[in-house]
């Protein structure tokens, strides 16, 4: 794993916010048929603020690290601010990714983009 930053390795070995949310305000799913990665994301919103984000994932170390980082970037943010988290924000928070794994950050960002949510409740 010498091509990964220490932050990527840490998020892979100790991923944050893994799991499900009971009675979520929204659920999003995304998968990549080319590499086989799949993620389901759950969100809880309180007073227009992202109170919690959890995910279930099947993916490579970079995908897991990107999903973990995405949740940390979103939790506590106003919903409008969370909606504009970019894949570049995720890569920057991880101190970079190898070029051949950059798509993992876009994948995590897409999973957190609210138009993808299938059950976002009216707040």
PDB file of N, CA and C in Angstrom:
ATOM      1  N   UNK A   1       0.825  -1.198   0.000  1.00  0.00           N
ATOM      2  CA  UNK A   1       0.000   0.000   0.000  1.00  0.00           C
ATOM      3  C   UNK A   1       0.864   1.255   0.000  1.00  0.00           C
ATOM      4  N   UNK A   2       2.048   1.154  -0.520  1.00  0.00           N
ATOM      5  CA  UNK A   2       2.982   2.266  -0.497  1.00  0.00           C
ATOM      6  C   UNK A   2       2.545   3.445  -1.355  1.00  0.00           C
ATOM      7  N   UNK A   3       1.582   3.281  -2.249  1.00  0.00           N
ATOM      8  CA  UNK A   3       1.116   4.385  -3.079  1.00  0.00           C
ATOM      9  C   UNK A   3       0.034   5.208  -2.390  1.00  0.00           C
ATOM     10  N   UNK A   4      -0.450   4.755  -1.261  1.00  0.00           N
ATOM     11  CA  UNK A   4      -1.509   5.446  -0.541  1.00  0.00           C
ATOM     12  C   UNK A   4      -0.936   6.321   0.567  1.00  0.00           C
ATOM     13  N   UNK A   5      -1.589   7.455   0.810  1.00  0.00           N
ATOM     14  CA  UNK A   5      -1.181   8.324   1.914  1.00  0.00           C
ATOM     15  C   UNK A   5      -1.515   7.650   3.244  1.00  0.00           C
ATOM     16  N   UNK A   6      -0.947   8.152   4.297  1.00  0.00           N
ATOM     17  CA  UNK A   6      -1.242   7.627   5.638  1.00  0.00           C
ATOM     18  C   UNK A   6      -2.728   7.788   5.967  1.00  0.00           C
ATOM     19  N   UNK A   7      -3.349   8.874   5.499  1.00  0.00           N
ATOM     20  CA  UNK A   7      -4.771   9.083   5.763  1.00  0.00           C
ATOM     21  C   UNK A   7      -5.630   8.039   5.053  1.00  0.00           C
ATOM     22  N   UNK A   8      -5.275   7.685   3.837  1.00  0.00           N
ATOM     23  CA  UNK A   8      -6.019   6.649   3.121  1.00  0.00           C
ATOM     24  C   UNK A   8      -5.898   5.328   3.869  1.00  0.00           C
ATOM     25  N   UNK A   9      -4.707   4.986   4.265  1.00  0.00           N
ATOM     26  CA  UNK A   9      -4.480   3.738   4.999  1.00  0.00           C
ATOM     27  C   UNK A   9      -5.259   3.736   6.307  1.00  0.00           C
ATOM     28  N   UNK A  10      -5.261   4.851   7.026  1.00  0.00           N
ATOM     29  CA  UNK A  10      -5.991   4.938   8.292  1.00  0.00           C
ATOM     30  C   UNK A  10      -7.496   4.767   8.080  1.00  0.00           C
ATOM     31  N   UNK A  11      -8.054   5.435   7.076  1.00  0.00           N
ATOM     32  CA  UNK A  11      -9.488   5.305   6.807  1.00  0.00           C
ATOM     33  C   UNK A  11      -9.848   3.901   6.323  1.00  0.00           C
ATOM     34  N   UNK A  12      -8.939   3.257   5.603  1.00  0.00           N
ATOM     35  CA  UNK A  12      -9.189   1.882   5.160  1.00  0.00           C
ATOM     36  C   UNK A  12      -9.166   0.920   6.354  1.00  0.00           C
ATOM     37  N   UNK A  13      -8.181   1.071   7.205  1.00  0.00           N
ATOM     38  CA  UNK A  13      -8.044   0.158   8.346  1.00  0.00           C
ATOM     39  C   UNK A  13      -9.073   0.430   9.429  1.00  0.00           C
ATOM     40  N   UNK A  14      -9.466   1.683   9.585  1.00  0.00           N
ATOM     41  CA  UNK A  14     -10.410   2.093  10.625  1.00  0.00           C
ATOM     42  C   UNK A  14     -11.481   2.996  10.024  1.00  0.00           C
ATOM     43  N   UNK A  15     -12.318   2.460   9.159  1.00  0.00           N
ATOM     44  CA  UNK A  15     -13.322   3.307   8.497  1.00  0.00           C
ATOM     45  C   UNK A  15     -14.307   3.897   9.505  1.00  0.00           C
ATOM     46  N   UNK A  16     -14.674   5.133   9.246  1.00  0.00           N
ATOM     47  CA  UNK A  16     -15.606   5.859  10.115  1.00  0.00           C
ATOM     48  C   UNK A  16     -17.027   5.737   9.582  1.00  0.00           C
ATOM     49  N   UNK A  17     -17.981   5.712  10.485  1.00  0.00           N
ATOM     50  CA  UNK A  17     -19.412   5.817  10.173  1.00  0.00           C
ATOM     51  C   UNK A  17     -19.958   4.681   9.306  1.00  0.00           C
ATOM     52  N   UNK A  18     -19.422   3.495   9.469  1.00  0.00           N
ATOM     53  CA  UNK A  18     -19.915   2.321   8.753  1.00  0.00           C
ATOM     54  C   UNK A  18     -21.196   1.837   9.430  1.00  0.00           C
ATOM     55  N   UNK A  19     -22.174   1.433   8.651  1.00  0.00           N
ATOM     56  CA  UNK A  19     -23.389   0.854   9.208  1.00  0.00           C
ATOM     57  C   UNK A  19     -24.630   1.393   8.545  1.00  0.00           C
ATOM     58  N   UNK A  20     -25.728   1.259   9.273  1.00  0.00           N
ATOM     59  CA  UNK A  20     -27.035   1.709   8.797  1.00  0.00           C
ATOM     60  C   UNK A  20     -27.605   2.709   9.795  1.00  0.00           C
ATOM     61  N   UNK A  21     -28.544   3.518   9.333  1.00  0.00           N
ATOM     62  CA  UNK A  21     -29.291   4.422  10.210  1.00  0.00           C
ATOM     63  C   UNK A  21     -30.728   3.931  10.230  1.00  0.00           C
ATOM     64  N   UNK A  22     -31.237   3.697  11.425  1.00  0.00           N
ATOM     65  CA  UNK A  22     -32.645   3.338  11.569  1.00  0.00           C
ATOM     66  C   UNK A  22     -33.479   4.559  11.220  1.00  0.00           C
ATOM     67  N   UNK A  23     -34.516   4.381  10.443  1.00  0.00           N
ATOM     68  CA  UNK A  23     -35.400   5.466  10.040  1.00  0.00           C
ATOM     69  C   UNK A  23     -34.629   6.643   9.426  1.00  0.00           C
ATOM     70  N   UNK A  24     -33.856   6.393   8.365  1.00  0.00           N
ATOM     71  CA  UNK A  24     -33.093   7.476   7.741  1.00  0.00           C
ATOM     72  C   UNK A  24     -34.011   8.461   7.021  1.00  0.00           C
ATOM     73  N   UNK A  25     -33.515   9.665   6.841  1.00  0.00           N
ATOM     74  CA  UNK A  25     -34.230  10.657   6.048  1.00  0.00           C
ATOM     75  C   UNK A  25     -33.965  10.482   4.562  1.00  0.00           C
ATOM     76  N   UNK A  26     -32.942   9.735   4.226  1.00  0.00           N
ATOM     77  CA  UNK A  26     -32.640   9.462   2.827  1.00  0.00           C
ATOM     78  C   UNK A  26     -31.725   8.267   2.697  1.00  0.00           C
ATOM     79  N   UNK A  27     -31.820   7.607   1.559  1.00  0.00           N
ATOM     80  CA  UNK A  27     -30.971   6.461   1.238  1.00  0.00           C
ATOM     81  C   UNK A  27     -30.519   6.620  -0.202  1.00  0.00           C
ATOM     82  N   UNK A  28     -29.234   6.468  -0.441  1.00  0.00           N
ATOM     83  CA  UNK A  28     -28.700   6.525  -1.798  1.00  0.00           C
ATOM     84  C   UNK A  28     -27.878   5.294  -2.078  1.00  0.00           C
ATOM     85  N   UNK A  29     -27.861   4.863  -3.318  1.00  0.00           N
ATOM     86  CA  UNK A  29     -27.080   3.701  -3.728  1.00  0.00           C
ATOM     87  C   UNK A  29     -26.321   4.037  -5.000  1.00  0.00           C
ATOM     88  N   UNK A  30     -25.125   3.495  -5.085  1.00  0.00           N
ATOM     89  CA  UNK A  30     -24.343   3.653  -6.305  1.00  0.00           C
ATOM     90  C   UNK A  30     -23.425   2.445  -6.434  1.00  0.00           C
ATOM     91  N   UNK A  31     -23.171   2.065  -7.654  1.00  0.00           N
ATOM     92  CA  UNK A  31     -22.262   0.957  -7.918  1.00  0.00           C
ATOM     93  C   UNK A  31     -21.487   1.209  -9.187  1.00  0.00           C
ATOM     94  N   UNK A  32     -20.375   0.536  -9.316  1.00  0.00           N
ATOM     95  CA  UNK A  32     -19.546   0.646 -10.509  1.00  0.00           C
ATOM     96  C   UNK A  32     -19.385  -0.746 -11.103  1.00  0.00           C
ATOM     97  N   UNK A  33     -20.106  -1.044 -12.172  1.00  0.00           N
ATOM     98  CA  UNK A  33     -20.045  -2.387 -12.747  1.00  0.00           C
ATOM     99  C   UNK A  33     -18.668  -2.757 -13.287  1.00  0.00           C
ATOM    100  N   UNK A  34     -17.826  -1.764 -13.587  1.00  0.00           N
ATOM    101  CA  UNK A  34     -16.495  -2.053 -14.119  1.00  0.00           C
ATOM    102  C   UNK A  34     -15.557  -2.609 -13.070  1.00  0.00           C
ATOM    103  N   UNK A  35     -15.639  -2.082 -11.848  1.00  0.00           N
ATOM    104  CA  UNK A  35     -14.723  -2.560 -10.815  1.00  0.00           C
ATOM    105  C   UNK A  35     -15.435  -3.379  -9.741  1.00  0.00           C
ATOM    106  N   UNK A  36     -16.763  -3.388  -9.736  1.00  0.00           N
ATOM    107  CA  UNK A  36     -17.504  -4.208  -8.784  1.00  0.00           C
ATOM    108  C   UNK A  36     -17.797  -3.539  -7.459  1.00  0.00           C
ATOM    109  N   UNK A  37     -17.403  -2.282  -7.286  1.00  0.00           N
ATOM    110  CA  UNK A  37     -17.678  -1.577  -6.038  1.00  0.00           C
ATOM    111  C   UNK A  37     -19.164  -1.244  -5.938  1.00  0.00           C
ATOM    112  N   UNK A  38     -19.672  -1.238  -4.704  1.00  0.00           N
ATOM    113  CA  UNK A  38     -21.070  -0.899  -4.451  1.00  0.00           C
ATOM    114  C   UNK A  38     -21.162  -0.227  -3.090  1.00  0.00           C
ATOM    115  N   UNK A  39     -21.977   0.833  -2.993  1.00  0.00           N
ATOM    116  CA  UNK A  39     -22.162   1.524  -1.725  1.00  0.00           C
ATOM    117  C   UNK A  39     -23.618   1.949  -1.558  1.00  0.00           C
ATOM    118  N   UNK A  40     -24.096   1.786  -0.340  1.00  0.00           N
ATOM    119  CA  UNK A  40     -25.407   2.277   0.049  1.00  0.00           C
ATOM    120  C   UNK A  40     -25.172   3.267   1.186  1.00  0.00           C
ATOM    121  N   UNK A  41     -25.750   4.463   1.060  1.00  0.00           N
ATOM    122  CA  UNK A  41     -25.512   5.542   2.011  1.00  0.00           C
ATOM    123  C   UNK A  41     -26.830   5.938   2.664  1.00  0.00           C
ATOM    124  N   UNK A  42     -26.791   6.154   3.973  1.00  0.00           N
ATOM    125  CA  UNK A  42     -27.961   6.563   4.756  1.00  0.00           C
ATOM    126  C   UNK A  42     -27.671   7.932   5.358  1.00  0.00           C
ATOM    127  N   UNK A  43     -28.701   8.793   5.385  1.00  0.00           N
ATOM    128  CA  UNK A  43     -28.517  10.138   5.932  1.00  0.00           C
ATOM    129  C   UNK A  43     -29.626  10.453   6.926  1.00  0.00           C
ATOM    130  N   UNK A  44     -29.253  11.182   7.967  1.00  0.00           N
ATOM    131  CA  UNK A  44     -30.197  11.693   8.953  1.00  0.00           C
ATOM    132  C   UNK A  44     -29.998  13.207   9.014  1.00  0.00           C
ATOM    133  N   UNK A  45     -31.093  13.937   8.859  1.00  0.00           N
ATOM    134  CA  UNK A  45     -31.042  15.398   8.815  1.00  0.00           C
ATOM    135  C   UNK A  45     -31.869  15.951   9.957  1.00  0.00           C
ATOM    136  N   UNK A  46     -31.342  16.976  10.599  1.00  0.00           N
ATOM    137  CA  UNK A  46     -32.050  17.638  11.687  1.00  0.00           C
ATOM    138  C   UNK A  46     -31.871  19.141  11.524  1.00  0.00           C
ATOM    139  N   UNK A  47     -32.956  19.872  11.413  1.00  0.00           N
ATOM    140  CA  UNK A  47     -32.922  21.333  11.239  1.00  0.00           C
ATOM    141  C   UNK A  47     -32.020  21.736  10.071  1.00  0.00           C
ATOM    142  N   UNK A  48     -32.198  21.074   8.918  1.00  0.00           N
ATOM    143  CA  UNK A  48     -31.436  21.347   7.695  1.00  0.00           C
ATOM    144  C   UNK A  48     -29.936  21.101   7.839  1.00  0.00           C
ATOM    145  N   UNK A  49     -29.537  20.352   8.853  1.00  0.00           N
ATOM    146  CA  UNK A  49     -28.133  20.011   9.067  1.00  0.00           C
ATOM    147  C   UNK A  49     -27.973  18.497   9.002  1.00  0.00           C
ATOM    148  N   UNK A  50     -26.895  18.053   8.391  1.00  0.00           N
ATOM    149  CA  UNK A  50     -26.614  16.623   8.312  1.00  0.00           C
ATOM    150  C   UNK A  50     -26.186  16.157   9.698  1.00  0.00           C
ATOM    151  N   UNK A  51     -27.082  15.447  10.342  1.00  0.00           N
ATOM    152  CA  UNK A  51     -26.798  14.959  11.694  1.00  0.00           C
ATOM    153  C   UNK A  51     -25.932  13.702  11.658  1.00  0.00           C
ATOM    154  N   UNK A  52     -26.194  12.815  10.679  1.00  0.00           N
ATOM    155  CA  UNK A  52     -25.438  11.566  10.605  1.00  0.00           C
ATOM    156  C   UNK A  52     -25.448  11.048   9.175  1.00  0.00           C
ATOM    157  N   UNK A  53     -24.372  10.387   8.802  1.00  0.00           N
ATOM    158  CA  UNK A  53     -24.266   9.682   7.535  1.00  0.00           C
ATOM    159  C   UNK A  53     -23.577   8.360   7.826  1.00  0.00           C
ATOM    160  N   UNK A  54     -24.151   7.287   7.353  1.00  0.00           N
ATOM    161  CA  UNK A  54     -23.545   5.966   7.487  1.00  0.00           C
ATOM    162  C   UNK A  54     -23.597   5.289   6.128  1.00  0.00           C
ATOM    163  N   UNK A  55     -22.804   4.259   5.954  1.00  0.00           N
ATOM    164  CA  UNK A  55     -22.744   3.580   4.668  1.00  0.00           C
ATOM    165  C   UNK A  55     -22.397   2.112   4.847  1.00  0.00           C
ATOM    166  N   UNK A  56     -22.804   1.339   3.867  1.00  0.00           N
ATOM    167  CA  UNK A  56     -22.390  -0.047   3.710  1.00  0.00           C
ATOM    168  C   UNK A  56     -21.678  -0.100   2.367  1.00  0.00           C
ATOM    169  N   UNK A  57     -20.556  -0.793   2.321  1.00  0.00           N
ATOM    170  CA  UNK A  57     -19.750  -0.744   1.109  1.00  0.00           C
ATOM    171  C   UNK A  57     -19.099  -2.093   0.817  1.00  0.00           C
ATOM    172  N   UNK A  58     -18.955  -2.359  -0.455  1.00  0.00           N
ATOM    173  CA  UNK A  58     -18.104  -3.445  -0.946  1.00  0.00           C
ATOM    174  C   UNK A  58     -17.184  -2.772  -1.947  1.00  0.00           C
ATOM    175  N   UNK A  59     -15.905  -2.708  -1.619  1.00  0.00           N
ATOM    176  CA  UNK A  59     -14.998  -2.009  -2.505  1.00  0.00           C
ATOM    177  C   UNK A  59     -13.556  -2.148  -2.110  1.00  0.00           C
ATOM    178  N   UNK A  60     -12.707  -1.533  -2.881  1.00  0.00           N
ATOM    179  CA  UNK A  60     -11.265  -1.562  -2.669  1.00  0.00           C
ATOM    180  C   UNK A  60     -10.882  -0.616  -1.526  1.00  0.00           C
ATOM    181  N   UNK A  61      -9.624  -0.666  -1.071  1.00  0.00           N
ATOM    182  CA  UNK A  61      -9.187   0.231   0.005  1.00  0.00           C
ATOM    183  C   UNK A  61      -9.452   1.711  -0.287  1.00  0.00           C
ATOM    184  N   UNK A  62      -9.230   2.148  -1.525  1.00  0.00           N
ATOM    185  CA  UNK A  62      -9.457   3.562  -1.856  1.00  0.00           C
ATOM    186  C   UNK A  62     -10.939   3.914  -1.766  1.00  0.00           C
ATOM    187  N   UNK A  63     -11.818   3.033  -2.218  1.00  0.00           N
ATOM    188  CA  UNK A  63     -13.258   3.289  -2.135  1.00  0.00           C
ATOM    189  C   UNK A  63     -13.713   3.385  -0.687  1.00  0.00           C
ATOM    190  N   UNK A  64     -13.224   2.494   0.140  1.00  0.00           N
ATOM    191  CA  UNK A  64     -13.578   2.512   1.559  1.00  0.00           C
ATOM    192  C   UNK A  64     -13.089   3.799   2.208  1.00  0.00           C
ATOM    193  N   UNK A  65     -11.853   4.184   1.924  1.00  0.00           N
ATOM    194  CA  UNK A  65     -11.302   5.416   2.489  1.00  0.00           C
ATOM    195  C   UNK A  65     -12.084   6.640   2.011  1.00  0.00           C
ATOM    196  N   UNK A  66     -12.464   6.662   0.746  1.00  0.00           N
ATOM    197  CA  UNK A  66     -13.229   7.797   0.208  1.00  0.00           C
ATOM    198  C   UNK A  66     -14.618   7.869   0.832  1.00  0.00           C
ATOM    199  N   UNK A  67     -15.270   6.736   1.017  1.00  0.00           N
ATOM    200  CA  UNK A  67     -16.593   6.729   1.649  1.00  0.00           C
ATOM    201  C   UNK A  67     -16.500   7.212   3.087  1.00  0.00           C
ATOM    202  N   UNK A  68     -15.517   6.738   3.816  1.00  0.00           N
ATOM    203  CA  UNK A  68     -15.317   7.155   5.204  1.00  0.00           C
ATOM    204  C   UNK A  68     -15.078   8.660   5.291  1.00  0.00           C
ATOM    205  N   UNK A  69     -14.231   9.159   4.406  1.00  0.00           N
ATOM    206  CA  UNK A  69     -13.919  10.594   4.387  1.00  0.00           C
ATOM    207  C   UNK A  69     -15.135  11.419   3.997  1.00  0.00           C
ATOM    208  N   UNK A  70     -15.899  10.943   3.019  1.00  0.00           N
ATOM    209  CA  UNK A  70     -17.106  11.659   2.597  1.00  0.00           C
ATOM    210  C   UNK A  70     -18.042  11.868   3.782  1.00  0.00           C
ATOM    211  N   UNK A  71     -18.212  10.832   4.628  1.00  0.00           N
ATOM    212  CA  UNK A  71     -19.117  10.985   5.771  1.00  0.00           C
ATOM    213  C   UNK A  71     -18.590  12.029   6.742  1.00  0.00           C
ATOM    214  N   UNK A  72     -17.291  12.019   6.974  1.00  0.00           N
ATOM    215  CA  UNK A  72     -16.718  13.001   7.893  1.00  0.00           C
ATOM    216  C   UNK A  72     -16.855  14.423   7.360  1.00  0.00           C
ATOM    217  N   UNK A  73     -16.748  14.583   6.052  1.00  0.00           N
ATOM    218  CA  UNK A  73     -16.909  15.914   5.459  1.00  0.00           C
ATOM    219  C   UNK A  73     -18.361  16.390   5.521  1.00  0.00           C
ATOM    220  N   UNK A  74     -19.311  15.478   5.468  1.00  0.00           N
ATOM    221  CA  UNK A  74     -20.729  15.859   5.409  1.00  0.00           C
ATOM    222  C   UNK A  74     -21.359  16.067   6.782  1.00  0.00           C
ATOM    223  N   UNK A  75     -21.003  15.257   7.751  1.00  0.00           N
ATOM    224  CA  UNK A  75     -21.649  15.326   9.067  1.00  0.00           C
ATOM    225  C   UNK A  75     -21.400  16.690   9.706  1.00  0.00           C
ATOM    226  N   UNK A  76     -22.486  17.302  10.160  1.00  0.00           N
ATOM    227  CA  UNK A  76     -22.412  18.604  10.815  1.00  0.00           C
ATOM    228  C   UNK A  76     -22.584  19.786   9.885  1.00  0.00           C
ATOM    229  N   UNK A  77     -22.572  19.542   8.597  1.00  0.00           N
ATOM    230  CA  UNK A  77     -22.726  20.633   7.633  1.00  0.00           C
ATOM    231  C   UNK A  77     -24.203  20.906   7.365  1.00  0.00           C
ATOM    232  N   UNK A  78     -24.502  22.153   7.017  1.00  0.00           N
ATOM    233  CA  UNK A  78     -25.822  22.501   6.523  1.00  0.00           C
ATOM    234  C   UNK A  78     -26.039  21.687   5.251  1.00  0.00           C
ATOM    235  N   UNK A  79     -27.254  21.266   5.008  1.00  0.00           N
ATOM    236  CA  UNK A  79     -27.558  20.417   3.856  1.00  0.00           C
ATOM    237  C   UNK A  79     -27.059  21.036   2.546  1.00  0.00           C
ATOM    238  N   UNK A  80     -27.222  22.348   2.382  1.00  0.00           N
ATOM    239  CA  UNK A  80     -26.749  23.015   1.159  1.00  0.00           C
ATOM    240  C   UNK A  80     -25.242  22.873   0.986  1.00  0.00           C
ATOM    241  N   UNK A  81     -24.488  22.958   2.088  1.00  0.00           N
ATOM    242  CA  UNK A  81     -23.033  22.827   2.020  1.00  0.00           C
ATOM    243  C   UNK A  81     -22.616  21.382   1.771  1.00  0.00           C
ATOM    244  N   UNK A  82     -23.323  20.448   2.369  1.00  0.00           N
ATOM    245  CA  UNK A  82     -23.006  19.034   2.162  1.00  0.00           C
ATOM    246  C   UNK A  82     -23.252  18.634   0.714  1.00  0.00           C
ATOM    247  N   UNK A  83     -24.241  19.253   0.077  1.00  0.00           N
ATOM    248  CA  UNK A  83     -24.580  18.905  -1.299  1.00  0.00           C
ATOM    249  C   UNK A  83     -23.498  19.305  -2.290  1.00  0.00           C
ATOM    250  N   UNK A  84     -22.609  20.193  -1.901  1.00  0.00           N
ATOM    251  CA  UNK A  84     -21.585  20.654  -2.839  1.00  0.00           C
ATOM    252  C   UNK A  84     -20.193  20.111  -2.509  1.00  0.00           C
ATOM    253  N   UNK A  85     -20.113  19.071  -1.675  1.00  0.00           N
ATOM    254  CA  UNK A  85     -18.834  18.399  -1.451  1.00  0.00           C
ATOM    255  C   UNK A  85     -18.404  17.787  -2.783  1.00  0.00           C
ATOM    256  N   UNK A  86     -17.164  18.018  -3.159  1.00  0.00           N
ATOM    257  CA  UNK A  86     -16.677  17.533  -4.448  1.00  0.00           C
ATOM    258  C   UNK A  86     -15.724  16.352  -4.266  1.00  0.00           C
ATOM    259  N   UNK A  87     -15.472  15.665  -5.364  1.00  0.00           N
ATOM    260  CA  UNK A  87     -14.481  14.595  -5.309  1.00  0.00           C
ATOM    261  C   UNK A  87     -13.096  15.161  -4.997  1.00  0.00           C
ATOM    262  N   UNK A  88     -12.828  16.396  -5.431  1.00  0.00           N
ATOM    263  CA  UNK A  88     -11.553  17.032  -5.102  1.00  0.00           C
ATOM    264  C   UNK A  88     -11.428  17.275  -3.604  1.00  0.00           C
ATOM    265  N   UNK A  89     -12.548  17.627  -2.943  1.00  0.00           N
ATOM    266  CA  UNK A  89     -12.539  17.802  -1.485  1.00  0.00           C
ATOM    267  C   UNK A  89     -12.153  16.492  -0.796  1.00  0.00           C
ATOM    268  N   UNK A  90     -12.683  15.388  -1.303  1.00  0.00           N
ATOM    269  CA  UNK A  90     -12.392  14.079  -0.709  1.00  0.00           C
ATOM    270  C   UNK A  90     -10.925  13.722  -0.910  1.00  0.00           C
ATOM    271  N   UNK A  91     -10.415  13.913  -2.116  1.00  0.00           N
ATOM    272  CA  UNK A  91      -9.005  13.614  -2.395  1.00  0.00           C
ATOM    273  C   UNK A  91      -8.098  14.474  -1.530  1.00  0.00           C
ATOM    274  N   UNK A  92      -8.423  15.752  -1.428  1.00  0.00           N
ATOM    275  CA  UNK A  92      -7.607  16.660  -0.613  1.00  0.00           C
ATOM    276  C   UNK A  92      -7.608  16.238   0.857  1.00  0.00           C
ATOM    277  N   UNK A  93      -8.765  15.861   1.377  1.00  0.00           N
ATOM    278  CA  UNK A  93      -8.864  15.438   2.777  1.00  0.00           C
ATOM    279  C   UNK A  93      -8.049  14.166   3.031  1.00  0.00           C
ATOM    280  N   UNK A  94      -7.837  13.369   1.994  1.00  0.00           N
ATOM    281  CA  UNK A  94      -7.056  12.132   2.118  1.00  0.00           C
ATOM    282  C   UNK A  94      -5.579  12.333   1.776  1.00  0.00           C
ATOM    283  N   UNK A  95      -5.177  13.560   1.543  1.00  0.00           N
ATOM    284  CA  UNK A  95      -3.799  13.860   1.121  1.00  0.00           C
ATOM    285  C   UNK A  95      -3.442  13.164  -0.185  1.00  0.00           C
ATOM    286  N   UNK A  96      -4.431  13.048  -1.072  1.00  0.00           N
ATOM    287  CA  UNK A  96      -4.206  12.510  -2.401  1.00  0.00           C
ATOM    288  C   UNK A  96      -4.536  11.039  -2.537  1.00  0.00           C
ATOM    289  N   UNK A  97      -4.663  10.646  -3.787  1.00  0.00           N
ATOM    290  CA  UNK A  97      -4.878   9.248  -4.176  1.00  0.00           C
ATOM    291  C   UNK A  97      -4.007   8.964  -5.392  1.00  0.00           C
ATOM    292  N   UNK A  98      -3.596   7.712  -5.578  1.00  0.00           N
ATOM    293  CA  UNK A  98      -2.904   7.376  -6.821  1.00  0.00           C
ATOM    294  C   UNK A  98      -3.816   7.683  -8.011  1.00  0.00           C
ATOM    295  N   UNK A  99      -3.244   8.082  -9.097  1.00  0.00           N
ATOM    296  CA  UNK A  99      -4.011   8.487 -10.281  1.00  0.00           C
ATOM    297  C   UNK A  99      -5.033   7.419 -10.692  1.00  0.00           C
ATOM    298  N   UNK A 100      -4.656   6.158 -10.621  1.00  0.00           N
ATOM    299  CA  UNK A 100      -5.555   5.093 -11.060  1.00  0.00           C
ATOM    300  C   UNK A 100      -6.690   4.826 -10.066  1.00  0.00           C
ATOM    301  N   UNK A 101      -6.720   5.557  -8.940  1.00  0.00           N
ATOM    302  CA  UNK A 101      -7.788   5.404  -7.947  1.00  0.00           C
ATOM    303  C   UNK A 101      -8.617   6.671  -7.754  1.00  0.00           C
ATOM    304  N   UNK A 102      -8.348   7.699  -8.527  1.00  0.00           N
ATOM    305  CA  UNK A 102      -9.087   8.963  -8.414  1.00  0.00           C
ATOM    306  C   UNK A 102     -10.582   8.737  -8.627  1.00  0.00           C
ATOM    307  N   UNK A 103     -10.956   7.798  -9.462  1.00  0.00           N
ATOM    308  CA  UNK A 103     -12.381   7.542  -9.709  1.00  0.00           C
ATOM    309  C   UNK A 103     -13.114   7.159  -8.427  1.00  0.00           C
ATOM    310  N   UNK A 104     -12.424   6.642  -7.439  1.00  0.00           N
ATOM    311  CA  UNK A 104     -13.071   6.263  -6.175  1.00  0.00           C
ATOM    312  C   UNK A 104     -13.621   7.484  -5.442  1.00  0.00           C
ATOM    313  N   UNK A 105     -12.926   8.618  -5.550  1.00  0.00           N
ATOM    314  CA  UNK A 105     -13.414   9.836  -4.895  1.00  0.00           C
ATOM    315  C   UNK A 105     -14.662  10.350  -5.595  1.00  0.00           C
ATOM    316  N   UNK A 106     -14.685  10.259  -6.919  1.00  0.00           N
ATOM    317  CA  UNK A 106     -15.878  10.686  -7.661  1.00  0.00           C
ATOM    318  C   UNK A 106     -17.051   9.787  -7.319  1.00  0.00           C
ATOM    319  N   UNK A 107     -16.768   8.526  -7.155  1.00  0.00           N
ATOM    320  CA  UNK A 107     -17.794   7.551  -6.808  1.00  0.00           C
ATOM    321  C   UNK A 107     -18.386   7.862  -5.433  1.00  0.00           C
ATOM    322  N   UNK A 108     -17.541   8.151  -4.445  1.00  0.00           N
ATOM    323  CA  UNK A 108     -18.030   8.498  -3.103  1.00  0.00           C
ATOM    324  C   UNK A 108     -18.804   9.813  -3.133  1.00  0.00           C
ATOM    325  N   UNK A 109     -18.335  10.768  -3.911  1.00  0.00           N
ATOM    326  CA  UNK A 109     -19.035  12.047  -4.023  1.00  0.00           C
ATOM    327  C   UNK A 109     -20.392  11.842  -4.656  1.00  0.00           C
ATOM    328  N   UNK A 110     -20.483  11.029  -5.677  1.00  0.00           N
ATOM    329  CA  UNK A 110     -21.764  10.778  -6.340  1.00  0.00           C
ATOM    330  C   UNK A 110     -22.742  10.092  -5.399  1.00  0.00           C
ATOM    331  N   UNK A 111     -22.231   9.211  -4.563  1.00  0.00           N
ATOM    332  CA  UNK A 111     -23.100   8.517  -3.612  1.00  0.00           C
ATOM    333  C   UNK A 111     -23.672   9.482  -2.584  1.00  0.00           C
ATOM    334  N   UNK A 112     -22.967  10.584  -2.342  1.00  0.00           N
ATOM    335  CA  UNK A 112     -23.452  11.554  -1.366  1.00  0.00           C
ATOM    336  C   UNK A 112     -24.215  12.703  -2.008  1.00  0.00           C
ATOM    337  N   UNK A 113     -24.309  12.714  -3.336  1.00  0.00           N
ATOM    338  CA  UNK A 113     -25.025  13.818  -3.981  1.00  0.00           C
ATOM    339  C   UNK A 113     -26.525  13.588  -3.840  1.00  0.00           C
ATOM    340  N   UNK A 114     -27.185  14.547  -3.312  1.00  0.00           N
ATOM    341  CA  UNK A 114     -28.580  14.375  -2.899  1.00  0.00           C
ATOM    342  C   UNK A 114     -29.552  14.060  -4.025  1.00  0.00           C
ATOM    343  N   UNK A 115     -29.318  14.438  -5.287  1.00  0.00           N
ATOM    344  CA  UNK A 115     -30.268  13.991  -6.323  1.00  0.00           C
ATOM    345  C   UNK A 115     -30.335  12.466  -6.441  1.00  0.00           C
ATOM    346  N   UNK A 116     -29.320  11.783  -5.966  1.00  0.00           N
ATOM    347  CA  UNK A 116     -29.286  10.336  -6.035  1.00  0.00           C
ATOM    348  C   UNK A 116     -30.152   9.679  -4.948  1.00  0.00           C
ATOM    349  N   UNK A 117     -30.500  10.446  -3.920  1.00  0.00           N
ATOM    350  CA  UNK A 117     -31.224   9.868  -2.795  1.00  0.00           C
ATOM    351  C   UNK A 117     -32.602   9.408  -3.252  1.00  0.00           C
ATOM    352  N   UNK A 118     -32.972   8.212  -2.834  1.00  0.00           N
ATOM    353  CA  UNK A 118     -34.220   7.638  -3.283  1.00  0.00           C
ATOM    354  C   UNK A 118     -35.383   7.917  -2.337  1.00  0.00           C
ATOM    355  N   UNK A 119     -35.074   8.261  -1.084  1.00  0.00           N
ATOM    356  CA  UNK A 119     -36.168   8.419  -0.129  1.00  0.00           C
ATOM    357  C   UNK A 119     -36.011   9.657   0.742  1.00  0.00           C
ATOM    358  N   UNK A 120     -35.365  10.705   0.251  1.00  0.00           N
ATOM    359  CA  UNK A 120     -35.157  11.885   1.074  1.00  0.00           C
ATOM    360  C   UNK A 120     -36.513  12.453   1.484  1.00  0.00           C
ATOM    361  N   UNK A 121     -36.746  12.512   2.781  1.00  0.00           N
ATOM    362  CA  UNK A 121     -38.033  12.976   3.315  1.00  0.00           C
ATOM    363  C   UNK A 121     -38.094  14.500   3.289  1.00  0.00           C
ATOM    364  N   UNK A 122     -39.271  15.020   3.275  1.00  0.00           N
ATOM    365  CA  UNK A 122     -39.448  16.468   3.379  1.00  0.00           C
ATOM    366  C   UNK A 122     -39.069  16.897   4.777  1.00  0.00           C
ATOM    367  N   UNK A 123     -38.265  17.920   4.835  1.00  0.00           N
ATOM    368  CA  UNK A 123     -37.749  18.385   6.144  1.00  0.00           C
ATOM    369  C   UNK A 123     -38.550  19.576   6.612  1.00  0.00           C
TER     370      UNK A 123
END
